[in-house]
C-alpha cells in the first residue's frame, strides 16, 4: 500500500463509456480514489451503493469519487446502471493503476492463496499527494469514514 504524504501515481484509464480519465484531470481539487475487487459482488455492491448514497455530500464538497477495478467498461456500465451509480468507474484490465497504487496483493480465502485487489481507498489532495490511505476498508462504512475525514479538513 502506498504511504500518506507521497505523490499519487498518475494513471490514464477509460470509464464505462470509453471516456479517458487521468489523475491530472483532477489537479487543483481533492479526490477520492477507491479500489475494489469486482463489480456486482456483495461487498463491492454495498461499497458502491454507500458512495452513491453519499454522492451529493461529496459533490457539495467538490470532491469527485472514482472507483477502479479490473472489470471491463461493459461490466462497469451494467454495474452503474443496475445500481444507479453517479460517480466515475474506471476500468483497469491491465492492472496499470491497481499495481501502481500497490493494491494487487496476495489474498487468502478459505485457505486458498491467490492474487487480487485489496479493497483500499485513497484521498488525494489538490497537488496530487496522498493525504489519507485507508487499507482493507469495510464496504459498509468506507464512504461515511471518507466523508467524515474530508469534512474534518474543512473545519
C-alpha atoms as a PDB file:
ATOM      1  CA  UNK A   1       0.000   0.000   0.000  1.00  0.00           C
ATOM      2  CA  UNK A   2       1.199   3.496  -0.734  1.00  0.00           C
ATOM      3  CA  UNK A   3       2.038   5.769   2.169  1.00  0.00           C
ATOM      4  CA  UNK A   4       0.422   9.071   3.086  1.00  0.00           C
ATOM      5  CA  UNK A   5       2.368  12.189   2.033  1.00  0.00           C
ATOM      6  CA  UNK A   6       3.646  10.524  -1.144  1.00  0.00           C
ATOM      7  CA  UNK A   7       2.876  11.557  -4.709  1.00  0.00           C
ATOM      8  CA  UNK A   8      -0.068   9.631  -6.149  1.00  0.00           C
ATOM      9  CA  UNK A   9       0.901   7.684  -9.281  1.00  0.00           C
ATOM     10  CA  UNK A  10      -0.601   9.088 -12.462  1.00  0.00           C
ATOM     11  CA  UNK A  11      -2.998   6.950 -14.453  1.00  0.00           C
ATOM     12  CA  UNK A  12      -4.975   7.109 -17.667  1.00  0.00           C
ATOM     13  CA  UNK A  13      -7.966   4.777 -17.775  1.00  0.00           C
ATOM     14  CA  UNK A  14     -11.336   4.548 -19.528  1.00  0.00           C
ATOM     15  CA  UNK A  15     -14.684   4.862 -17.790  1.00  0.00           C
ATOM     16  CA  UNK A  16     -17.802   2.810 -18.516  1.00  0.00           C
ATOM     17  CA  UNK A  17     -18.444   4.861 -21.689  1.00  0.00           C
ATOM     18  CA  UNK A  18     -14.893   4.714 -23.050  1.00  0.00           C
ATOM     19  CA  UNK A  19     -14.025   8.257 -21.909  1.00  0.00           C
ATOM     20  CA  UNK A  20     -10.392   8.584 -20.820  1.00  0.00           C
ATOM     21  CA  UNK A  21      -9.608   9.995 -17.392  1.00  0.00           C
ATOM     22  CA  UNK A  22      -6.216  10.731 -15.899  1.00  0.00           C
ATOM     23  CA  UNK A  23      -5.191  11.855 -12.432  1.00  0.00           C
ATOM     24  CA  UNK A  24      -4.083  15.206 -13.865  1.00  0.00           C
ATOM     25  CA  UNK A  25      -7.716  15.903 -14.910  1.00  0.00           C
ATOM     26  CA  UNK A  26      -8.412  16.494 -11.213  1.00  0.00           C
ATOM     27  CA  UNK A  27      -5.457  18.764 -10.413  1.00  0.00           C
ATOM     28  CA  UNK A  28      -6.477  21.572  -8.070  1.00  0.00           C
ATOM     29  CA  UNK A  29      -9.103  19.572  -6.193  1.00  0.00           C
ATOM     30  CA  UNK A  30      -9.211  16.784  -3.664  1.00  0.00           C
ATOM     31  CA  UNK A  31     -10.397  13.426  -4.990  1.00  0.00           C
ATOM     32  CA  UNK A  32     -11.313  10.035  -3.572  1.00  0.00           C
ATOM     33  CA  UNK A  33      -9.925   7.024  -5.425  1.00  0.00           C
ATOM     34  CA  UNK A  34     -11.133   3.674  -4.210  1.00  0.00           C
ATOM     35  CA  UNK A  35     -10.033   0.289  -5.490  1.00  0.00           C
ATOM     36  CA  UNK A  36     -12.375  -2.669  -5.277  1.00  0.00           C
ATOM     37  CA  UNK A  37     -12.202  -6.325  -6.394  1.00  0.00           C
ATOM     38  CA  UNK A  38     -15.196  -6.925  -8.682  1.00  0.00           C
ATOM     39  CA  UNK A  39     -18.437  -5.419  -9.995  1.00  0.00           C
ATOM     40  CA  UNK A  40     -21.718  -6.919  -8.773  1.00  0.00           C
ATOM     41  CA  UNK A  41     -20.275  -8.891  -5.870  1.00  0.00           C
ATOM     42  CA  UNK A  42     -21.982  -8.389  -2.492  1.00  0.00           C
ATOM     43  CA  UNK A  43     -19.262  -6.358  -0.743  1.00  0.00           C
ATOM     44  CA  UNK A  44     -18.377  -4.267  -3.788  1.00  0.00           C
ATOM     45  CA  UNK A  45     -22.048  -3.528  -4.439  1.00  0.00           C
ATOM     46  CA  UNK A  46     -22.595  -2.391  -0.834  1.00  0.00           C
ATOM     47  CA  UNK A  47     -19.486  -0.200  -1.007  1.00  0.00           C
ATOM     48  CA  UNK A  48     -20.513   1.376  -4.326  1.00  0.00           C
ATOM     49  CA  UNK A  49     -24.082   1.959  -3.115  1.00  0.00           C
ATOM     50  CA  UNK A  50     -22.753   3.632   0.054  1.00  0.00           C
ATOM     51  CA  UNK A  51     -20.658   6.003  -2.088  1.00  0.00           C
ATOM     52  CA  UNK A  52     -23.728   6.615  -4.280  1.00  0.00           C
ATOM     53  CA  UNK A  53     -25.836   7.421  -1.196  1.00  0.00           C
ATOM     54  CA  UNK A  54     -23.204   9.939  -0.032  1.00  0.00           C
ATOM     55  CA  UNK A  55     -22.575  11.283  -3.548  1.00  0.00           C
ATOM     56  CA  UNK A  56     -24.410  14.594  -3.063  1.00  0.00           C
ATOM     57  CA  UNK A  57     -22.306  15.312   0.048  1.00  0.00           C
ATOM     58  CA  UNK A  58     -19.090  14.660  -1.886  1.00  0.00           C
ATOM     59  CA  UNK A  59     -20.410  16.825  -4.747  1.00  0.00           C
ATOM     60  CA  UNK A  60     -21.229  19.679  -2.332  1.00  0.00           C
ATOM     61  CA  UNK A  61     -17.644  19.488  -1.050  1.00  0.00           C
ATOM     62  CA  UNK A  62     -16.396  19.468  -4.689  1.00  0.00           C
ATOM     63  CA  UNK A  63     -14.663  16.110  -4.184  1.00  0.00           C
ATOM     64  CA  UNK A  64     -15.017  13.660  -7.097  1.00  0.00           C
ATOM     65  CA  UNK A  65     -15.259   9.954  -6.282  1.00  0.00           C
ATOM     66  CA  UNK A  66     -13.573   7.420  -8.572  1.00  0.00           C
ATOM     67  CA  UNK A  67     -13.922   3.661  -8.270  1.00  0.00           C
ATOM     68  CA  UNK A  68     -11.328   1.469 -10.004  1.00  0.00           C
ATOM     69  CA  UNK A  69     -11.386  -2.270 -10.637  1.00  0.00           C
ATOM     70  CA  UNK A  70     -10.046  -4.619 -13.308  1.00  0.00           C
ATOM     71  CA  UNK A  71     -13.556  -5.148 -14.727  1.00  0.00           C
ATOM     72  CA  UNK A  72     -14.315  -4.187 -18.329  1.00  0.00           C
ATOM     73  CA  UNK A  73     -16.022  -0.979 -19.444  1.00  0.00           C
ATOM     74  CA  UNK A  74     -19.141  -3.022 -20.290  1.00  0.00           C
ATOM     75  CA  UNK A  75     -19.178  -4.567 -16.813  1.00  0.00           C
ATOM     76  CA  UNK A  76     -18.878  -1.100 -15.246  1.00  0.00           C
ATOM     77  CA  UNK A  77     -21.708   0.187 -17.454  1.00  0.00           C
ATOM     78  CA  UNK A  78     -24.050  -2.607 -16.301  1.00  0.00           C
ATOM     79  CA  UNK A  79     -22.954  -2.186 -12.665  1.00  0.00           C
ATOM     80  CA  UNK A  80     -23.558   1.591 -12.745  1.00  0.00           C
ATOM     81  CA  UNK A  81     -26.941   1.252 -14.481  1.00  0.00           C
ATOM     82  CA  UNK A  82     -28.157  -1.540 -12.212  1.00  0.00           C
ATOM     83  CA  UNK A  83     -27.324   0.353  -9.007  1.00  0.00           C
ATOM     84  CA  UNK A  84     -27.678   3.991 -10.147  1.00  0.00           C
ATOM     85  CA  UNK A  85     -24.035   4.842  -9.501  1.00  0.00           C
ATOM     86  CA  UNK A  86     -23.468   8.540 -10.259  1.00  0.00           C
ATOM     87  CA  UNK A  87     -19.679   8.636  -9.848  1.00  0.00           C
ATOM     88  CA  UNK A  88     -16.812   7.645 -12.161  1.00  0.00           C
ATOM     89  CA  UNK A  89     -15.914   3.970 -12.526  1.00  0.00           C
ATOM     90  CA  UNK A  90     -12.627   3.296 -14.283  1.00  0.00           C
ATOM     91  CA  UNK A  91     -11.644   0.061 -15.967  1.00  0.00           C
ATOM     92  CA  UNK A  92      -8.109  -1.226 -15.338  1.00  0.00           C
ATOM     93  CA  UNK A  93      -7.901  -4.665 -17.031  1.00  0.00           C
ATOM     94  CA  UNK A  94      -4.111  -4.334 -17.456  1.00  0.00           C
ATOM     95  CA  UNK A  95      -3.735  -3.641 -13.697  1.00  0.00           C
ATOM     96  CA  UNK A  96      -1.835  -0.437 -14.513  1.00  0.00           C
ATOM     97  CA  UNK A  97      -3.222   1.743 -11.691  1.00  0.00           C
ATOM     98  CA  UNK A  98      -4.023  -1.243  -9.465  1.00  0.00           C
ATOM     99  CA  UNK A  99      -0.341  -2.225  -9.332  1.00  0.00           C
ATOM    100  CA  UNK A 100       0.923   1.395  -9.230  1.00  0.00           C
ATOM    101  CA  UNK A 101      -1.227   2.007  -6.127  1.00  0.00           C
ATOM    102  CA  UNK A 102       0.027  -1.276  -4.623  1.00  0.00           C
ATOM    103  CA  UNK A 103      -3.419  -2.837  -4.135  1.00  0.00           C
ATOM    104  CA  UNK A 104      -2.702  -6.024  -6.177  1.00  0.00           C
ATOM    105  CA  UNK A 105      -1.713  -8.354  -3.390  1.00  0.00           C
ATOM    106  CA  UNK A 106      -1.798 -11.918  -2.171  1.00  0.00           C
ATOM    107  CA  UNK A 107      -5.160 -12.777  -0.623  1.00  0.00           C
ATOM    108  CA  UNK A 108      -6.272 -15.809   1.339  1.00  0.00           C
ATOM    109  CA  UNK A 109      -9.801 -17.147   1.072  1.00  0.00           C
ATOM    110  CA  UNK A 110     -10.764 -20.421   2.703  1.00  0.00           C
ATOM    111  CA  UNK A 111      -7.088 -21.358   2.895  1.00  0.00           C
ATOM    112  CA  UNK A 112      -6.563 -20.767  -0.833  1.00  0.00           C
ATOM    113  CA  UNK A 113      -3.977 -18.158  -1.778  1.00  0.00           C
ATOM    114  CA  UNK A 114      -4.470 -16.026  -4.892  1.00  0.00           C
ATOM    115  CA  UNK A 115      -3.640 -12.569  -6.192  1.00  0.00           C
ATOM    116  CA  UNK A 116      -6.343  -9.927  -6.187  1.00  0.00           C
ATOM    117  CA  UNK A 117      -7.341  -6.358  -5.412  1.00  0.00           C
ATOM    118  CA  UNK A 118      -7.273  -5.480  -1.728  1.00  0.00           C
ATOM    119  CA  UNK A 119     -10.129  -3.042  -1.036  1.00  0.00           C
ATOM    120  CA  UNK A 120      -8.270   0.250  -0.457  1.00  0.00           C
ATOM    121  CA  UNK A 121      -9.248   3.927  -0.515  1.00  0.00           C
ATOM    122  CA  UNK A 122      -7.003   6.935  -1.056  1.00  0.00           C
ATOM    123  CA  UNK A 123      -7.792  10.630  -0.591  1.00  0.00           C
ATOM    124  CA  UNK A 124      -5.560  12.697  -2.869  1.00  0.00           C
ATOM    125  CA  UNK A 125      -5.089  16.436  -2.392  1.00  0.00           C
ATOM    126  CA  UNK A 126      -5.046  19.325  -4.864  1.00  0.00           C
ATOM    127  CA  UNK A 127      -1.348  18.757  -5.602  1.00  0.00           C
ATOM    128  CA  UNK A 128      -1.647  15.035  -6.313  1.00  0.00           C
ATOM    129  CA  UNK A 129      -0.349  13.938  -2.906  1.00  0.00           C
ATOM    130  CA  UNK A 130      -1.967  11.083  -0.964  1.00  0.00           C
ATOM    131  CA  UNK A 131      -3.224  12.649   2.266  1.00  0.00           C
ATOM    132  CA  UNK A 132      -5.177   9.640   3.519  1.00  0.00           C
ATOM    133  CA  UNK A 133      -4.556   5.948   2.837  1.00  0.00           C
ATOM    134  CA  UNK A 134      -7.185   3.508   4.075  1.00  0.00           C
ATOM    135  CA  UNK A 135      -6.229  -0.170   3.652  1.00  0.00           C
ATOM    136  CA  UNK A 136      -8.605  -3.131   3.867  1.00  0.00           C
ATOM    137  CA  UNK A 137     -11.674  -0.919   4.292  1.00  0.00           C
ATOM    138  CA  UNK A 138     -15.096  -2.231   5.242  1.00  0.00           C
ATOM    139  CA  UNK A 139     -17.592  -1.915   2.345  1.00  0.00           C
ATOM    140  CA  UNK A 140     -20.454  -0.677   4.532  1.00  0.00           C
ATOM    141  CA  UNK A 141     -18.595   2.109   6.384  1.00  0.00           C
ATOM    142  CA  UNK A 142     -15.927   3.208   3.889  1.00  0.00           C
ATOM    143  CA  UNK A 143     -17.894   6.055   2.247  1.00  0.00           C
ATOM    144  CA  UNK A 144     -19.017   7.505   5.612  1.00  0.00           C
ATOM    145  CA  UNK A 145     -15.485   7.401   7.034  1.00  0.00           C
ATOM    146  CA  UNK A 146     -14.024   9.065   3.929  1.00  0.00           C
ATOM    147  CA  UNK A 147     -16.706  11.776   4.046  1.00  0.00           C
ATOM    148  CA  UNK A 148     -16.076  12.339   7.764  1.00  0.00           C
ATOM    149  CA  UNK A 149     -12.348  12.690   7.080  1.00  0.00           C
ATOM    150  CA  UNK A 150     -12.862  15.191   4.245  1.00  0.00           C
ATOM    151  CA  UNK A 151     -15.278  17.248   6.364  1.00  0.00           C
ATOM    152  CA  UNK A 152     -12.695  17.303   9.185  1.00  0.00           C
ATOM    153  CA  UNK A 153     -10.255  19.008   6.799  1.00  0.00           C
ATOM    154  CA  UNK A 154     -12.718  21.852   6.223  1.00  0.00           C
ATOM    155  CA  UNK A 155     -13.163  22.708   9.925  1.00  0.00           C
END
